[in-house]
Structure formats: C-alpha cells, structure tokens
Amino acid sequence: MNIDLRQAIVQRVQGKSTEELTDVIEGSIDSTDQALPGLGVLFEIIWKNTDEPTHSTLVQALKDHLPQ
C-alpha cells in the first residue's frame, strides 16, 4: 500500500476529539521542523473549508505577526 504524506497526516488525526486536535496542534507549535508539514496539511484543510472572511482574518493575523 502506497500512502502519501497528506494521507498519513489526515489518518493520524481522523476521529480525534476537539481536545485531542488542539493537543496535536499545540504539540507541533515550536516543535522540530519535522512537525511543520503536518501543520501545513492541517492548515490546508482549514483553508479549504472556510469562507473568504475567515481567510481574510487568517491572512491579517499572519501579516500582523510576521517579523518586520
């Protein structure tokens, strides 16, 4: 069976509770660089399943917190 990185990450978090998903995200923040692809996949899922106002809010939060 051949599984790609996206599928592996999605399978890792499928069926988890809200609290468990929060733990996965918080555990990946400021962790090793190996956690970054997982956060990217999770962000991609969020982005694809939210509306334009949410996108604007997320982009503005990113812009406001990027180092100058």
PDB file of N, CA and C in Angstrom:
ATOM      1  N   MET A   1       0.845  -1.179   0.000  1.00  0.00           N
ATOM      2  CA  MET A   1       0.000   0.000   0.000  1.00  0.00           C
ATOM      3  C   MET A   1       0.889   1.240   0.000  1.00  0.00           C
ATOM      4  N   ASN A   2       0.599   2.159  -0.873  1.00  0.00           N
ATOM      5  CA  ASN A   2       1.357   3.393  -1.000  1.00  0.00           C
ATOM      6  C   ASN A   2       0.525   4.539  -0.436  1.00  0.00           C
ATOM      7  N   ILE A   3       1.063   5.260   0.542  1.00  0.00           N
ATOM      8  CA  ILE A   3       0.332   6.354   1.176  1.00  0.00           C
ATOM      9  C   ILE A   3       1.194   7.608   1.127  1.00  0.00           C
ATOM     10  N   ASP A   4       0.587   8.724   0.767  1.00  0.00           N
ATOM     11  CA  ASP A   4       1.369   9.949   0.721  1.00  0.00           C
ATOM     12  C   ASP A   4       1.321  10.666   2.064  1.00  0.00           C
ATOM     13  N   LEU A   5       2.126  11.704   2.185  1.00  0.00           N
ATOM     14  CA  LEU A   5       2.254  12.424   3.452  1.00  0.00           C
ATOM     15  C   LEU A   5       0.923  13.018   3.905  1.00  0.00           C
ATOM     16  N   ARG A   6       0.192  13.632   2.971  1.00  0.00           N
ATOM     17  CA  ARG A   6      -1.107  14.212   3.333  1.00  0.00           C
ATOM     18  C   ARG A   6      -2.034  13.153   3.920  1.00  0.00           C
ATOM     19  N   GLN A   7      -2.119  12.028   3.245  1.00  0.00           N
ATOM     20  CA  GLN A   7      -2.996  10.955   3.714  1.00  0.00           C
ATOM     21  C   GLN A   7      -2.556  10.455   5.092  1.00  0.00           C
ATOM     22  N   ALA A   8      -1.266  10.324   5.297  1.00  0.00           N
ATOM     23  CA  ALA A   8      -0.761   9.845   6.583  1.00  0.00           C
ATOM     24  C   ALA A   8      -1.117  10.818   7.709  1.00  0.00           C
ATOM     25  N   ILE A   9      -0.997  12.101   7.431  1.00  0.00           N
ATOM     26  CA  ILE A   9      -1.312  13.110   8.446  1.00  0.00           C
ATOM     27  C   ILE A   9      -2.811  13.119   8.734  1.00  0.00           C
ATOM     28  N   VAL A  10      -3.618  13.056   7.696  1.00  0.00           N
ATOM     29  CA  VAL A  10      -5.070  13.033   7.894  1.00  0.00           C
ATOM     30  C   VAL A  10      -5.466  11.788   8.688  1.00  0.00           C
ATOM     31  N   GLN A  11      -4.910  10.652   8.358  1.00  0.00           N
ATOM     32  CA  GLN A  11      -5.228   9.427   9.095  1.00  0.00           C
ATOM     33  C   GLN A  11      -4.821   9.536  10.557  1.00  0.00           C
ATOM     34  N   ARG A  12      -3.728  10.238  10.825  1.00  0.00           N
ATOM     35  CA  ARG A  12      -3.246  10.401  12.205  1.00  0.00           C
ATOM     36  C   ARG A  12      -4.238  11.178  13.064  1.00  0.00           C
ATOM     37  N   VAL A  13      -4.977  12.110  12.467  1.00  0.00           N
ATOM     38  CA  VAL A  13      -5.872  12.951  13.251  1.00  0.00           C
ATOM     39  C   VAL A  13      -7.354  12.606  13.100  1.00  0.00           C
ATOM     40  N   GLN A  14      -7.687  11.725  12.170  1.00  0.00           N
ATOM     41  CA  GLN A  14      -9.085  11.340  11.997  1.00  0.00           C
ATOM     42  C   GLN A  14      -9.636  10.728  13.279  1.00  0.00           C
ATOM     43  N   GLY A  15     -10.856  11.113  13.603  1.00  0.00           N
ATOM     44  CA  GLY A  15     -11.532  10.531  14.754  1.00  0.00           C
ATOM     45  C   GLY A  15     -11.131  11.126  16.091  1.00  0.00           C
ATOM     46  N   LYS A  16     -10.219  12.080  16.073  1.00  0.00           N
ATOM     47  CA  LYS A  16      -9.787  12.694  17.326  1.00  0.00           C
ATOM     48  C   LYS A  16     -10.825  13.722  17.790  1.00  0.00           C
ATOM     49  N   SER A  17     -10.908  13.894  19.090  1.00  0.00           N
ATOM     50  CA  SER A  17     -11.806  14.888  19.667  1.00  0.00           C
ATOM     51  C   SER A  17     -11.224  16.284  19.453  1.00  0.00           C
ATOM     52  N   THR A  18     -12.029  17.281  19.750  1.00  0.00           N
ATOM     53  CA  THR A  18     -11.566  18.661  19.654  1.00  0.00           C
ATOM     54  C   THR A  18     -10.352  18.875  20.549  1.00  0.00           C
ATOM     55  N   GLU A  19     -10.406  18.346  21.747  1.00  0.00           N
ATOM     56  CA  GLU A  19      -9.292  18.500  22.680  1.00  0.00           C
ATOM     57  C   GLU A  19      -8.034  17.807  22.157  1.00  0.00           C
ATOM     58  N   GLU A  20      -8.194  16.624  21.576  1.00  0.00           N
ATOM     59  CA  GLU A  20      -7.045  15.903  21.024  1.00  0.00           C
ATOM     60  C   GLU A  20      -6.453  16.643  19.831  1.00  0.00           C
ATOM     61  N   LEU A  21      -7.313  17.223  18.979  1.00  0.00           N
ATOM     62  CA  LEU A  21      -6.808  18.004  17.847  1.00  0.00           C
ATOM     63  C   LEU A  21      -6.050  19.232  18.339  1.00  0.00           C
ATOM     64  N   THR A  22      -6.574  19.877  19.369  1.00  0.00           N
ATOM     65  CA  THR A  22      -5.876  21.015  19.957  1.00  0.00           C
ATOM     66  C   THR A  22      -4.513  20.587  20.470  1.00  0.00           C
ATOM     67  N   ASP A  23      -4.436  19.450  21.130  1.00  0.00           N
ATOM     68  CA  ASP A  23      -3.162  18.936  21.635  1.00  0.00           C
ATOM     69  C   ASP A  23      -2.178  18.661  20.502  1.00  0.00           C
ATOM     70  N   VAL A  24      -2.670  18.100  19.400  1.00  0.00           N
ATOM     71  CA  VAL A  24      -1.805  17.826  18.248  1.00  0.00           C
ATOM     72  C   VAL A  24      -1.219  19.137  17.720  1.00  0.00           C
ATOM     73  N   ILE A  25      -2.076  20.135  17.563  1.00  0.00           N
ATOM     74  CA  ILE A  25      -1.611  21.429  17.044  1.00  0.00           C
ATOM     75  C   ILE A  25      -0.640  22.075  18.015  1.00  0.00           C
ATOM     76  N   GLU A  26      -1.026  22.173  19.281  1.00  0.00           N
ATOM     77  CA  GLU A  26      -0.163  22.819  20.266  1.00  0.00           C
ATOM     78  C   GLU A  26       1.147  22.058  20.464  1.00  0.00           C
ATOM     79  N   GLY A  27       1.102  20.746  20.326  1.00  0.00           N
ATOM     80  CA  GLY A  27       2.314  19.950  20.443  1.00  0.00           C
ATOM     81  C   GLY A  27       3.259  20.125  19.274  1.00  0.00           C
ATOM     82  N   SER A  28       2.712  20.579  18.151  1.00  0.00           N
ATOM     83  CA  SER A  28       3.529  20.785  16.954  1.00  0.00           C
ATOM     84  C   SER A  28       4.108  22.190  16.879  1.00  0.00           C
ATOM     85  N   ILE A  29       3.475  23.140  17.551  1.00  0.00           N
ATOM     86  CA  ILE A  29       3.942  24.523  17.535  1.00  0.00           C
ATOM     87  C   ILE A  29       5.286  24.602  18.262  1.00  0.00           C
ATOM     88  N   ASP A  30       6.229  25.272  17.654  1.00  0.00           N
ATOM     89  CA  ASP A  30       7.577  25.440  18.213  1.00  0.00           C
ATOM     90  C   ASP A  30       8.282  24.103  18.449  1.00  0.00           C
ATOM     91  N   SER A  31       7.844  23.084  17.737  1.00  0.00           N
ATOM     92  CA  SER A  31       8.478  21.775  17.814  1.00  0.00           C
ATOM     93  C   SER A  31       9.561  21.690  16.735  1.00  0.00           C
ATOM     94  N   THR A  32      10.007  20.505  16.453  1.00  0.00           N
ATOM     95  CA  THR A  32      11.023  20.320  15.415  1.00  0.00           C
ATOM     96  C   THR A  32      10.443  20.647  14.048  1.00  0.00           C
ATOM     97  N   ASP A  33      11.310  20.887  13.104  1.00  0.00           N
ATOM     98  CA  ASP A  33      10.875  21.175  11.737  1.00  0.00           C
ATOM     99  C   ASP A  33      10.088  20.016  11.130  1.00  0.00           C
ATOM    100  N   GLN A  34      10.235  18.839  11.672  1.00  0.00           N
ATOM    101  CA  GLN A  34       9.510  17.676  11.157  1.00  0.00           C
ATOM    102  C   GLN A  34       8.006  17.826  11.340  1.00  0.00           C
ATOM    103  N   ALA A  35       7.577  18.646  12.307  1.00  0.00           N
ATOM    104  CA  ALA A  35       6.151  18.851  12.554  1.00  0.00           C
ATOM    105  C   ALA A  35       5.527  19.828  11.569  1.00  0.00           C
ATOM    106  N   LEU A  36       6.340  20.634  10.883  1.00  0.00           N
ATOM    107  CA  LEU A  36       5.811  21.679  10.008  1.00  0.00           C
ATOM    108  C   LEU A  36       4.952  21.147   8.851  1.00  0.00           C
ATOM    109  N   PRO A  37       5.330  20.061   8.177  1.00  0.00           N
ATOM    110  CA  PRO A  37       4.441  19.569   7.117  1.00  0.00           C
ATOM    111  C   PRO A  37       3.061  19.188   7.646  1.00  0.00           C
ATOM    112  N   GLY A  38       3.003  18.638   8.844  1.00  0.00           N
ATOM    113  CA  GLY A  38       1.712  18.277   9.428  1.00  0.00           C
ATOM    114  C   GLY A  38       0.856  19.494   9.677  1.00  0.00           C
ATOM    115  N   LEU A  39       1.465  20.547  10.204  1.00  0.00           N
ATOM    116  CA  LEU A  39       0.720  21.785  10.418  1.00  0.00           C
ATOM    117  C   LEU A  39       0.248  22.356   9.086  1.00  0.00           C
ATOM    118  N   GLY A  40       1.068  22.236   8.062  1.00  0.00           N
ATOM    119  CA  GLY A  40       0.680  22.718   6.734  1.00  0.00           C
ATOM    120  C   GLY A  40      -0.525  21.981   6.194  1.00  0.00           C
ATOM    121  N   VAL A  41      -0.564  20.677   6.379  1.00  0.00           N
ATOM    122  CA  VAL A  41      -1.704  19.885   5.916  1.00  0.00           C
ATOM    123  C   VAL A  41      -2.958  20.274   6.691  1.00  0.00           C
ATOM    124  N   LEU A  42      -2.822  20.454   8.002  1.00  0.00           N
ATOM    125  CA  LEU A  42      -3.976  20.856   8.806  1.00  0.00           C
ATOM    126  C   LEU A  42      -4.467  22.239   8.399  1.00  0.00           C
ATOM    127  N   PHE A  43      -3.532  23.169   8.139  1.00  0.00           N
ATOM    128  CA  PHE A  43      -3.919  24.498   7.689  1.00  0.00           C
ATOM    129  C   PHE A  43      -4.619  24.422   6.336  1.00  0.00           C
ATOM    130  N   GLU A  44      -4.128  23.568   5.453  1.00  0.00           N
ATOM    131  CA  GLU A  44      -4.751  23.407   4.139  1.00  0.00           C
ATOM    132  C   GLU A  44      -6.203  22.961   4.285  1.00  0.00           C
ATOM    133  N   ILE A  45      -6.464  22.043   5.194  1.00  0.00           N
ATOM    134  CA  ILE A  45      -7.831  21.565   5.432  1.00  0.00           C
ATOM    135  C   ILE A  45      -8.703  22.717   5.938  1.00  0.00           C
ATOM    136  N   ILE A  46      -8.158  23.488   6.879  1.00  0.00           N
ATOM    137  CA  ILE A  46      -8.900  24.639   7.402  1.00  0.00           C
ATOM    138  C   ILE A  46      -9.205  25.615   6.274  1.00  0.00           C
ATOM    139  N   TRP A  47      -8.194  25.940   5.488  1.00  0.00           N
ATOM    140  CA  TRP A  47      -8.340  26.925   4.403  1.00  0.00           C
ATOM    141  C   TRP A  47      -9.400  26.488   3.398  1.00  0.00           C
ATOM    142  N   LYS A  48      -9.369  25.226   3.008  1.00  0.00           N
ATOM    143  CA  LYS A  48     -10.305  24.719   2.005  1.00  0.00           C
ATOM    144  C   LYS A  48     -11.741  24.670   2.515  1.00  0.00           C
ATOM    145  N   ASN A  49     -11.913  24.693   3.816  1.00  0.00           N
ATOM    146  CA  ASN A  49     -13.246  24.510   4.384  1.00  0.00           C
ATOM    147  C   ASN A  49     -13.744  25.722   5.160  1.00  0.00           C
ATOM    148  N   THR A  50     -13.175  26.889   4.864  1.00  0.00           N
ATOM    149  CA  THR A  50     -13.650  28.126   5.468  1.00  0.00           C
ATOM    150  C   THR A  50     -13.949  29.141   4.375  1.00  0.00           C
ATOM    151  N   ASP A  51     -14.667  30.168   4.758  1.00  0.00           N
ATOM    152  CA  ASP A  51     -15.093  31.168   3.787  1.00  0.00           C
ATOM    153  C   ASP A  51     -14.093  32.319   3.684  1.00  0.00           C
ATOM    154  N   GLU A  52     -14.377  33.225   2.754  1.00  0.00           N
ATOM    155  CA  GLU A  52     -13.478  34.354   2.480  1.00  0.00           C
ATOM    156  C   GLU A  52     -13.248  35.242   3.696  1.00  0.00           C
ATOM    157  N   PRO A  53     -14.263  35.567   4.482  1.00  0.00           N
ATOM    158  CA  PRO A  53     -13.989  36.387   5.668  1.00  0.00           C
ATOM    159  C   PRO A  53     -13.001  35.716   6.643  1.00  0.00           C
ATOM    160  N   THR A  54     -13.108  34.413   6.782  1.00  0.00           N
ATOM    161  CA  THR A  54     -12.162  33.692   7.637  1.00  0.00           C
ATOM    162  C   THR A  54     -10.772  33.733   7.031  1.00  0.00           C
ATOM    163  N   HIS A  55     -10.676  33.577   5.716  1.00  0.00           N
ATOM    164  CA  HIS A  55      -9.379  33.667   5.037  1.00  0.00           C
ATOM    165  C   HIS A  55      -8.748  35.031   5.305  1.00  0.00           C
ATOM    166  N   SER A  56      -9.548  36.071   5.174  1.00  0.00           N
ATOM    167  CA  SER A  56      -9.035  37.429   5.408  1.00  0.00           C
ATOM    168  C   SER A  56      -8.533  37.581   6.843  1.00  0.00           C
ATOM    169  N   THR A  57      -9.273  37.036   7.799  1.00  0.00           N
ATOM    170  CA  THR A  57      -8.867  37.098   9.203  1.00  0.00           C
ATOM    171  C   THR A  57      -7.558  36.363   9.429  1.00  0.00           C
ATOM    172  N   LEU A  58      -7.426  35.179   8.842  1.00  0.00           N
ATOM    173  CA  LEU A  58      -6.204  34.397   8.991  1.00  0.00           C
ATOM    174  C   LEU A  58      -5.008  35.107   8.359  1.00  0.00           C
ATOM    175  N   VAL A  59      -5.202  35.639   7.164  1.00  0.00           N
ATOM    176  CA  VAL A  59      -4.111  36.333   6.477  1.00  0.00           C
ATOM    177  C   VAL A  59      -3.717  37.593   7.242  1.00  0.00           C
ATOM    178  N   GLN A  60      -4.686  38.315   7.763  1.00  0.00           N
ATOM    179  CA  GLN A  60      -4.381  39.518   8.533  1.00  0.00           C
ATOM    180  C   GLN A  60      -3.619  39.168   9.804  1.00  0.00           C
ATOM    181  N   ALA A  61      -4.020  38.091  10.480  1.00  0.00           N
ATOM    182  CA  ALA A  61      -3.301  37.651  11.687  1.00  0.00           C
ATOM    183  C   ALA A  61      -1.863  37.291  11.341  1.00  0.00           C
ATOM    184  N   LEU A  62      -1.670  36.614  10.225  1.00  0.00           N
ATOM    185  CA  LEU A  62      -0.320  36.274   9.789  1.00  0.00           C
ATOM    186  C   LEU A  62       0.479  37.539   9.499  1.00  0.00           C
ATOM    187  N   LYS A  63      -0.102  38.444   8.730  1.00  0.00           N
ATOM    188  CA  LYS A  63       0.579  39.688   8.374  1.00  0.00           C
ATOM    189  C   LYS A  63       0.961  40.482   9.627  1.00  0.00           C
ATOM    190  N   ASP A  64       0.046  40.545  10.576  1.00  0.00           N
ATOM    191  CA  ASP A  64       0.284  41.318  11.808  1.00  0.00           C
ATOM    192  C   ASP A  64       1.392  40.738  12.683  1.00  0.00           C
ATOM    193  N   HIS A  65       1.678  39.457  12.504  1.00  0.00           N
ATOM    194  CA  HIS A  65       2.633  38.808  13.402  1.00  0.00           C
ATOM    195  C   HIS A  65       3.932  38.360  12.741  1.00  0.00           C
ATOM    196  N   LEU A  66       4.090  38.670  11.456  1.00  0.00           N
ATOM    197  CA  LEU A  66       5.348  38.372  10.795  1.00  0.00           C
ATOM    198  C   LEU A  66       6.401  39.383  11.246  1.00  0.00           C
ATOM    199  N   PRO A  67       7.618  38.922  11.469  1.00  0.00           N
ATOM    200  CA  PRO A  67       8.677  39.876  11.838  1.00  0.00           C
ATOM    201  C   PRO A  67       8.894  40.871  10.709  1.00  0.00           C
ATOM    202  N   GLN A  68       9.189  42.096  11.079  1.00  0.00           N
ATOM    203  CA  GLN A  68       9.426  43.143  10.081  1.00  0.00           C
ATOM    204  C   GLN A  68      10.859  43.132   9.614  1.00  0.00           C
TER     205      GLN A  68
END
